[in-house]
Amino acid sequence: MAFMDDTVWHSESPESLQNILNDTQKLYNLNNIEINSTKSDLLHISQNKNKLNLTIPNLYYNNQIIPLCKSHETI
């Protein structure tokens, strides 16, 4: 039995991050590793304050949406 905690994926774009998530899902499936996506958090950080109003597309892991955390929520 193995546990995975505090894994962080960083990306310059939502599309790139979705590709990372898709690749890791394939790797985990190949190695019979299960991830509880309900315990996953998506945190968006932008250096440009003008980007705060951008709509962030949904990201998925194992066909389940990873909810975007609100700026006032604690992770």
Protein backbone atom coordinates (compact mmCIF):
# COMPACT_ATOMS: atom_id res chain seq x y z
CA MET A 1 0.00 0.00 0.00
CA ALA A 2 1.26 3.47 -0.83
CA PHE A 3 0.06 6.99 -0.15
CA MET A 4 0.60 10.14 -2.17
CA ASP A 5 0.21 13.50 -0.45
CA ASP A 6 0.80 17.09 -1.45
CA THR A 7 1.52 16.57 -5.12
CA VAL A 8 1.64 19.87 -6.97
CA TRP A 9 1.33 20.25 -10.73
CA HIS A 10 2.33 23.63 -12.16
CA SER A 11 1.54 24.85 -15.63
CA GLU A 12 1.55 27.99 -17.73
CA SER A 13 -1.88 27.26 -19.22
CA PRO A 14 -5.01 25.25 -18.39
CA GLU A 15 -4.55 23.21 -21.57
CA SER A 16 -1.04 22.21 -20.54
CA LEU A 17 -2.23 21.31 -17.04
CA GLN A 18 -5.01 19.14 -18.47
CA ASN A 19 -2.41 17.31 -20.58
CA ILE A 20 -0.33 16.70 -17.44
CA LEU A 21 -3.39 15.36 -15.63
CA ASN A 22 -4.24 13.07 -18.56
CA ASP A 23 -0.68 11.72 -18.67
CA THR A 24 -0.55 11.11 -14.94
CA GLN A 25 -3.91 9.37 -15.04
CA LYS A 26 -2.55 6.96 -17.66
CA LEU A 27 0.58 6.35 -15.58
CA TYR A 28 -1.41 5.76 -12.39
CA ASN A 29 -3.81 3.41 -14.18
CA LEU A 30 -0.88 1.48 -15.63
CA ASN A 31 0.60 1.07 -12.14
CA ASN A 32 -2.75 0.40 -10.46
CA ILE A 33 -2.56 3.58 -8.37
CA GLU A 34 -5.87 5.08 -7.26
CA ILE A 35 -6.27 8.80 -6.62
CA ASN A 36 -9.21 10.24 -4.71
CA SER A 37 -10.03 13.17 -6.98
CA THR A 38 -12.64 14.43 -4.51
CA LYS A 39 -9.73 15.42 -2.26
CA SER A 40 -7.96 17.32 -5.06
CA ASP A 41 -7.87 21.10 -5.15
CA LEU A 42 -7.31 23.42 -8.07
CA LEU A 43 -5.71 26.72 -7.18
CA HIS A 44 -5.25 29.42 -9.82
CA ILE A 45 -2.53 32.00 -9.19
CA SER A 46 -1.91 34.84 -11.60
CA GLN A 47 0.83 37.45 -11.51
CA ASN A 48 -1.24 39.79 -13.63
CA LYS A 49 -4.16 41.30 -11.71
CA ASN A 50 -5.96 41.95 -15.01
CA LYS A 51 -6.27 38.19 -15.44
CA LEU A 52 -8.34 37.81 -12.28
CA ASN A 53 -11.57 38.01 -14.24
CA LEU A 54 -10.57 35.32 -16.71
CA THR A 55 -12.80 32.31 -16.90
CA ILE A 56 -10.79 29.24 -15.98
CA PRO A 57 -11.96 26.16 -17.87
CA ASN A 58 -12.88 23.04 -15.94
CA LEU A 59 -10.05 20.60 -15.45
CA TYR A 60 -10.73 16.90 -15.16
CA TYR A 61 -9.09 13.94 -13.53
CA ASN A 62 -10.51 10.52 -14.28
CA ASN A 63 -13.54 12.16 -15.93
CA GLN A 64 -14.35 14.11 -12.75
CA ILE A 65 -14.17 17.89 -12.48
CA ILE A 66 -11.54 19.24 -10.11
CA PRO A 67 -13.30 22.20 -8.47
CA LEU A 68 -11.58 25.57 -8.59
CA CYS A 69 -10.94 26.97 -5.11
CA LYS A 70 -12.30 30.45 -4.44
CA SER A 71 -9.83 33.16 -3.50
CA HIS A 72 -11.24 33.35 0.06
CA GLU A 73 -11.11 29.57 0.67
CA THR A 74 -8.41 27.89 2.69
CA ILE A 75 -6.67 24.85 1.28
